[in-house]
Amino acid sequence: MGMFDQFKAAQNMMKNMDPDQLKELMAQAKESQAMLNKEIKKVVEEEIERRGLISREEVLRLITESR
């Protein structure tokens, strides 16, 4: 199922929901997004360390210190 089909299916599903159900669904989606962001950040930090790379924060710190 393509992304457009998924959006269409979600739209049809939400059409029949009451406002409280929609609020609950949005709260769950925000919680899932926060968990996903946390996982992505963790993986990125692990890769930076594993590969011996420099992080954005370190670059910004070095730039500000050099001024």
PDB file of N, CA and C in Angstrom:
ATOM      1  N   MET A   1       0.853  -1.167   0.000  1.00  0.00           N
ATOM      2  CA  MET A   1       0.000   0.000   0.000  1.00  0.00           C
ATOM      3  C   MET A   1       0.903   1.235   0.000  1.00  0.00           C
ATOM      4  N   GLY A   2       0.669   2.106  -0.937  1.00  0.00           N
ATOM      5  CA  GLY A   2       1.463   3.324  -1.037  1.00  0.00           C
ATOM      6  C   GLY A   2       1.098   4.331   0.035  1.00  0.00           C
ATOM      7  N   MET A   3       1.913   5.355   0.134  1.00  0.00           N
ATOM      8  CA  MET A   3       1.695   6.374   1.147  1.00  0.00           C
ATOM      9  C   MET A   3       0.352   7.083   0.925  1.00  0.00           C
ATOM     10  N   PHE A   4       0.010   7.370  -0.332  1.00  0.00           N
ATOM     11  CA  PHE A   4      -1.255   8.040  -0.625  1.00  0.00           C
ATOM     12  C   PHE A   4      -2.422   7.173  -0.176  1.00  0.00           C
ATOM     13  N   ASP A   5      -2.327   5.874  -0.415  1.00  0.00           N
ATOM     14  CA  ASP A   5      -3.385   4.952   0.000  1.00  0.00           C
ATOM     15  C   ASP A   5      -3.512   4.901   1.519  1.00  0.00           C
ATOM     16  N   GLN A   6      -2.375   4.973   2.206  1.00  0.00           N
ATOM     17  CA  GLN A   6      -2.401   4.967   3.669  1.00  0.00           C
ATOM     18  C   GLN A   6      -3.079   6.224   4.206  1.00  0.00           C
ATOM     19  N   PHE A   7      -2.772   7.378   3.597  1.00  0.00           N
ATOM     20  CA  PHE A   7      -3.418   8.622   4.025  1.00  0.00           C
ATOM     21  C   PHE A   7      -4.920   8.561   3.779  1.00  0.00           C
ATOM     22  N   LYS A   8      -5.307   8.017   2.651  1.00  0.00           N
ATOM     23  CA  LYS A   8      -6.727   7.900   2.306  1.00  0.00           C
ATOM     24  C   LYS A   8      -7.435   6.977   3.300  1.00  0.00           C
ATOM     25  N   ALA A   9      -6.807   5.850   3.648  1.00  0.00           N
ATOM     26  CA  ALA A   9      -7.392   4.917   4.606  1.00  0.00           C
ATOM     27  C   ALA A   9      -7.522   5.564   5.985  1.00  0.00           C
ATOM     28  N   ALA A  10      -6.491   6.308   6.388  1.00  0.00           N
ATOM     29  CA  ALA A  10      -6.537   6.995   7.687  1.00  0.00           C
ATOM     30  C   ALA A  10      -7.633   8.052   7.697  1.00  0.00           C
ATOM     31  N   GLN A  11      -7.776   8.759   6.590  1.00  0.00           N
ATOM     32  CA  GLN A  11      -8.813   9.785   6.484  1.00  0.00           C
ATOM     33  C   GLN A  11     -10.196   9.153   6.609  1.00  0.00           C
ATOM     34  N   ASN A  12     -10.406   8.041   5.951  1.00  0.00           N
ATOM     35  CA  ASN A  12     -11.698   7.356   6.026  1.00  0.00           C
ATOM     36  C   ASN A  12     -11.962   6.832   7.425  1.00  0.00           C
ATOM     37  N   MET A  13     -10.934   6.336   8.094  1.00  0.00           N
ATOM     38  CA  MET A  13     -11.085   5.823   9.445  1.00  0.00           C
ATOM     39  C   MET A  13     -11.452   6.950  10.409  1.00  0.00           C
ATOM     40  N   MET A  14     -10.773   8.104  10.266  1.00  0.00           N
ATOM     41  CA  MET A  14     -11.009   9.214  11.184  1.00  0.00           C
ATOM     42  C   MET A  14     -12.342   9.904  10.933  1.00  0.00           C
ATOM     43  N   LYS A  15     -12.893   9.746   9.754  1.00  0.00           N
ATOM     44  CA  LYS A  15     -14.156  10.388   9.414  1.00  0.00           C
ATOM     45  C   LYS A  15     -15.278   9.942  10.353  1.00  0.00           C
ATOM     46  N   ASN A  16     -15.223   8.696  10.800  1.00  0.00           N
ATOM     47  CA  ASN A  16     -16.290   8.132  11.629  1.00  0.00           C
ATOM     48  C   ASN A  16     -15.997   8.195  13.124  1.00  0.00           C
ATOM     49  N   MET A  17     -14.907   8.857  13.514  1.00  0.00           N
ATOM     50  CA  MET A  17     -14.546   8.927  14.930  1.00  0.00           C
ATOM     51  C   MET A  17     -15.118  10.176  15.577  1.00  0.00           C
ATOM     52  N   ASP A  18     -15.434  10.056  16.873  1.00  0.00           N
ATOM     53  CA  ASP A  18     -15.898  11.244  17.591  1.00  0.00           C
ATOM     54  C   ASP A  18     -14.677  12.048  18.043  1.00  0.00           C
ATOM     55  N   PRO A  19     -14.874  13.301  18.443  1.00  0.00           N
ATOM     56  CA  PRO A  19     -13.744  14.173  18.803  1.00  0.00           C
ATOM     57  C   PRO A  19     -12.851  13.616  19.910  1.00  0.00           C
ATOM     58  N   ASP A  20     -13.434  12.936  20.889  1.00  0.00           N
ATOM     59  CA  ASP A  20     -12.619  12.369  21.968  1.00  0.00           C
ATOM     60  C   ASP A  20     -11.702  11.265  21.447  1.00  0.00           C
ATOM     61  N   GLN A  21     -12.216  10.462  20.537  1.00  0.00           N
ATOM     62  CA  GLN A  21     -11.399   9.408  19.945  1.00  0.00           C
ATOM     63  C   GLN A  21     -10.257  10.014  19.129  1.00  0.00           C
ATOM     64  N   LEU A  22     -10.548  11.097  18.411  1.00  0.00           N
ATOM     65  CA  LEU A  22      -9.519  11.764  17.622  1.00  0.00           C
ATOM     66  C   LEU A  22      -8.430  12.348  18.514  1.00  0.00           C
ATOM     67  N   LYS A  23      -8.837  12.941  19.649  1.00  0.00           N
ATOM     68  CA  LYS A  23      -7.862  13.490  20.592  1.00  0.00           C
ATOM     69  C   LYS A  23      -6.968  12.386  21.138  1.00  0.00           C
ATOM     70  N   GLU A  24      -7.561  11.254  21.465  1.00  0.00           N
ATOM     71  CA  GLU A  24      -6.795  10.116  21.979  1.00  0.00           C
ATOM     72  C   GLU A  24      -5.826   9.599  20.917  1.00  0.00           C
ATOM     73  N   LEU A  25      -6.297   9.509  19.696  1.00  0.00           N
ATOM     74  CA  LEU A  25      -5.450   9.056  18.595  1.00  0.00           C
ATOM     75  C   LEU A  25      -4.281  10.010  18.364  1.00  0.00           C
ATOM     76  N   MET A  26      -4.533  11.307  18.435  1.00  0.00           N
ATOM     77  CA  MET A  26      -3.476  12.301  18.258  1.00  0.00           C
ATOM     78  C   MET A  26      -2.470  12.231  19.404  1.00  0.00           C
ATOM     79  N   ALA A  27      -2.953  12.006  20.618  1.00  0.00           N
ATOM     80  CA  ALA A  27      -2.050  11.879  21.764  1.00  0.00           C
ATOM     81  C   ALA A  27      -1.144  10.659  21.596  1.00  0.00           C
ATOM     82  N   GLN A  28      -1.719   9.559  21.131  1.00  0.00           N
ATOM     83  CA  GLN A  28      -0.927   8.355  20.886  1.00  0.00           C
ATOM     84  C   GLN A  28       0.098   8.599  19.788  1.00  0.00           C
ATOM     85  N   ALA A  29      -0.301   9.315  18.739  1.00  0.00           N
ATOM     86  CA  ALA A  29       0.611   9.603  17.631  1.00  0.00           C
ATOM     87  C   ALA A  29       1.773  10.477  18.102  1.00  0.00           C
ATOM     88  N   LYS A  30       1.486  11.471  18.940  1.00  0.00           N
ATOM     89  CA  LYS A  30       2.551  12.334  19.468  1.00  0.00           C
ATOM     90  C   LYS A  30       3.506  11.537  20.348  1.00  0.00           C
ATOM     91  N   GLU A  31       2.964  10.639  21.152  1.00  0.00           N
ATOM     92  CA  GLU A  31       3.795   9.812  22.017  1.00  0.00           C
ATOM     93  C   GLU A  31       4.680   8.887  21.174  1.00  0.00           C
ATOM     94  N   SER A  32       4.112   8.312  20.149  1.00  0.00           N
ATOM     95  CA  SER A  32       4.880   7.438  19.258  1.00  0.00           C
ATOM     96  C   SER A  32       5.978   8.222  18.549  1.00  0.00           C
ATOM     97  N   GLN A  33       5.664   9.425  18.120  1.00  0.00           N
ATOM     98  CA  GLN A  33       6.649  10.268  17.437  1.00  0.00           C
ATOM     99  C   GLN A  33       7.799  10.621  18.371  1.00  0.00           C
ATOM    100  N   ALA A  34       7.474  10.927  19.622  1.00  0.00           N
ATOM    101  CA  ALA A  34       8.511  11.253  20.603  1.00  0.00           C
ATOM    102  C   ALA A  34       9.418  10.054  20.846  1.00  0.00           C
ATOM    103  N   MET A  35       8.830   8.867  20.945  1.00  0.00           N
ATOM    104  CA  MET A  35       9.619   7.657  21.145  1.00  0.00           C
ATOM    105  C   MET A  35      10.511   7.383  19.933  1.00  0.00           C
ATOM    106  N   LEU A  36       9.975   7.584  18.741  1.00  0.00           N
ATOM    107  CA  LEU A  36      10.741   7.374  17.520  1.00  0.00           C
ATOM    108  C   LEU A  36      11.902   8.360  17.433  1.00  0.00           C
ATOM    109  N   ASN A  37      11.649   9.626  17.754  1.00  0.00           N
ATOM    110  CA  ASN A  37      12.716  10.638  17.755  1.00  0.00           C
ATOM    111  C   ASN A  37      13.814  10.275  18.741  1.00  0.00           C
ATOM    112  N   LYS A  38      13.417   9.786  19.898  1.00  0.00           N
ATOM    113  CA  LYS A  38      14.390   9.392  20.919  1.00  0.00           C
ATOM    114  C   LYS A  38      15.254   8.236  20.411  1.00  0.00           C
ATOM    115  N   GLU A  39      14.633   7.252  19.778  1.00  0.00           N
ATOM    116  CA  GLU A  39      15.370   6.105  19.240  1.00  0.00           C
ATOM    117  C   GLU A  39      16.329   6.530  18.137  1.00  0.00           C
ATOM    118  N   ILE A  40      15.870   7.408  17.251  1.00  0.00           N
ATOM    119  CA  ILE A  40      16.718   7.878  16.159  1.00  0.00           C
ATOM    120  C   ILE A  40      17.922   8.624  16.711  1.00  0.00           C
ATOM    121  N   LYS A  41      17.686   9.491  17.692  1.00  0.00           N
ATOM    122  CA  LYS A  41      18.787  10.242  18.293  1.00  0.00           C
ATOM    123  C   LYS A  41      19.795   9.302  18.932  1.00  0.00           C
ATOM    124  N   LYS A  42      19.311   8.274  19.593  1.00  0.00           N
ATOM    125  CA  LYS A  42      20.191   7.294  20.239  1.00  0.00           C
ATOM    126  C   LYS A  42      21.055   6.583  19.192  1.00  0.00           C
ATOM    127  N   VAL A  43      20.450   6.147  18.100  1.00  0.00           N
ATOM    128  CA  VAL A  43      21.194   5.447  17.051  1.00  0.00           C
ATOM    129  C   VAL A  43      22.223   6.366  16.410  1.00  0.00           C
ATOM    130  N   VAL A  44      21.840   7.617  16.161  1.00  0.00           N
ATOM    131  CA  VAL A  44      22.768   8.576  15.556  1.00  0.00           C
ATOM    132  C   VAL A  44      23.956   8.811  16.495  1.00  0.00           C
ATOM    133  N   GLU A  45      23.694   9.003  17.773  1.00  0.00           N
ATOM    134  CA  GLU A  45      24.776   9.209  18.737  1.00  0.00           C
ATOM    135  C   GLU A  45      25.705   8.000  18.805  1.00  0.00           C
ATOM    136  N   GLU A  46      25.134   6.792  18.744  1.00  0.00           N
ATOM    137  CA  GLU A  46      25.951   5.580  18.756  1.00  0.00           C
ATOM    138  C   GLU A  46      26.830   5.505  17.514  1.00  0.00           C
ATOM    139  N   GLU A  47      26.287   5.867  16.361  1.00  0.00           N
ATOM    140  CA  GLU A  47      27.055   5.841  15.115  1.00  0.00           C
ATOM    141  C   GLU A  47      28.163   6.887  15.121  1.00  0.00           C
ATOM    142  N   ILE A  48      27.867   8.058  15.652  1.00  0.00           N
ATOM    143  CA  ILE A  48      28.893   9.111  15.753  1.00  0.00           C
ATOM    144  C   ILE A  48      30.049   8.598  16.601  1.00  0.00           C
ATOM    145  N   GLU A  49      29.726   7.979  17.721  1.00  0.00           N
ATOM    146  CA  GLU A  49      30.773   7.464  18.605  1.00  0.00           C
ATOM    147  C   GLU A  49      31.512   6.291  17.961  1.00  0.00           C
ATOM    148  N   ARG A  50      30.768   5.381  17.342  1.00  0.00           N
ATOM    149  CA  ARG A  50      31.380   4.191  16.742  1.00  0.00           C
ATOM    150  C   ARG A  50      32.339   4.554  15.609  1.00  0.00           C
ATOM    151  N   ARG A  51      31.965   5.543  14.826  1.00  0.00           N
ATOM    152  CA  ARG A  51      32.783   5.941  13.679  1.00  0.00           C
ATOM    153  C   ARG A  51      33.829   7.006  14.019  1.00  0.00           C
ATOM    154  N   GLY A  52      33.795   7.494  15.243  1.00  0.00           N
ATOM    155  CA  GLY A  52      34.764   8.505  15.655  1.00  0.00           C
ATOM    156  C   GLY A  52      34.511   9.851  14.996  1.00  0.00           C
ATOM    157  N   LEU A  53      33.257  10.162  14.762  1.00  0.00           N
ATOM    158  CA  LEU A  53      32.900  11.426  14.121  1.00  0.00           C
ATOM    159  C   LEU A  53      32.721  12.511  15.172  1.00  0.00           C
ATOM    160  N   ILE A  54      32.572  13.730  14.715  1.00  0.00           N
ATOM    161  CA  ILE A  54      32.343  14.861  15.602  1.00  0.00           C
ATOM    162  C   ILE A  54      30.876  15.273  15.471  1.00  0.00           C
ATOM    163  N   SER A  55      30.252  15.546  16.593  1.00  0.00           N
ATOM    164  CA  SER A  55      28.832  15.893  16.579  1.00  0.00           C
ATOM    165  C   SER A  55      28.632  17.370  16.272  1.00  0.00           C
ATOM    166  N   ARG A  56      27.416  17.707  15.946  1.00  0.00           N
ATOM    167  CA  ARG A  56      27.066  19.101  15.656  1.00  0.00           C
ATOM    168  C   ARG A  56      27.330  19.983  16.876  1.00  0.00           C
ATOM    169  N   GLU A  57      26.976  19.477  18.040  1.00  0.00           N
ATOM    170  CA  GLU A  57      27.180  20.244  19.268  1.00  0.00           C
ATOM    171  C   GLU A  57      28.658  20.547  19.487  1.00  0.00           C
ATOM    172  N   GLU A  58      29.500  19.565  19.193  1.00  0.00           N
ATOM    173  CA  GLU A  58      30.940  19.774  19.361  1.00  0.00           C
ATOM    174  C   GLU A  58      31.460  20.814  18.372  1.00  0.00           C
ATOM    175  N   VAL A  59      30.971  20.767  17.143  1.00  0.00           N
ATOM    176  CA  VAL A  59      31.383  21.741  16.132  1.00  0.00           C
ATOM    177  C   VAL A  59      30.975  23.141  16.561  1.00  0.00           C
ATOM    178  N   LEU A  60      29.733  23.295  17.012  1.00  0.00           N
ATOM    179  CA  LEU A  60      29.257  24.610  17.454  1.00  0.00           C
ATOM    180  C   LEU A  60      30.073  25.117  18.644  1.00  0.00           C
ATOM    181  N   ARG A  61      30.401  24.223  19.566  1.00  0.00           N
ATOM    182  CA  ARG A  61      31.209  24.602  20.723  1.00  0.00           C
ATOM    183  C   ARG A  61      32.598  25.062  20.278  1.00  0.00           C
ATOM    184  N   LEU A  62      33.197  24.333  19.370  1.00  0.00           N
ATOM    185  CA  LEU A  62      34.531  24.707  18.868  1.00  0.00           C
ATOM    186  C   LEU A  62      34.498  26.059  18.148  1.00  0.00           C
ATOM    187  N   ILE A  63      33.455  26.309  17.392  1.00  0.00           N
ATOM    188  CA  ILE A  63      33.333  27.584  16.681  1.00  0.00           C
ATOM    189  C   ILE A  63      33.199  28.734  17.661  1.00  0.00           C
ATOM    190  N   THR A  64      32.348  28.570  18.656  1.00  0.00           N
ATOM    191  CA  THR A  64      32.150  29.649  19.624  1.00  0.00           C
ATOM    192  C   THR A  64      33.399  29.880  20.470  1.00  0.00           C
ATOM    193  N   GLU A  65      34.119  28.818  20.770  1.00  0.00           N
ATOM    194  CA  GLU A  65      35.342  28.961  21.557  1.00  0.00           C
ATOM    195  C   GLU A  65      36.446  29.639  20.769  1.00  0.00           C
ATOM    196  N   SER A  66      36.443  29.463  19.450  1.00  0.00           N
ATOM    197  CA  SER A  66      37.523  30.027  18.641  1.00  0.00           C
ATOM    198  C   SER A  66      37.328  31.526  18.360  1.00  0.00           C
ATOM    199  N   ARG A  67      36.194  32.053  18.711  1.00  0.00           N
ATOM    200  CA  ARG A  67      35.917  33.479  18.454  1.00  0.00           C
ATOM    201  C   ARG A  67      36.427  34.337  19.555  1.00  0.00           C
TER     202      ARG A  67
END
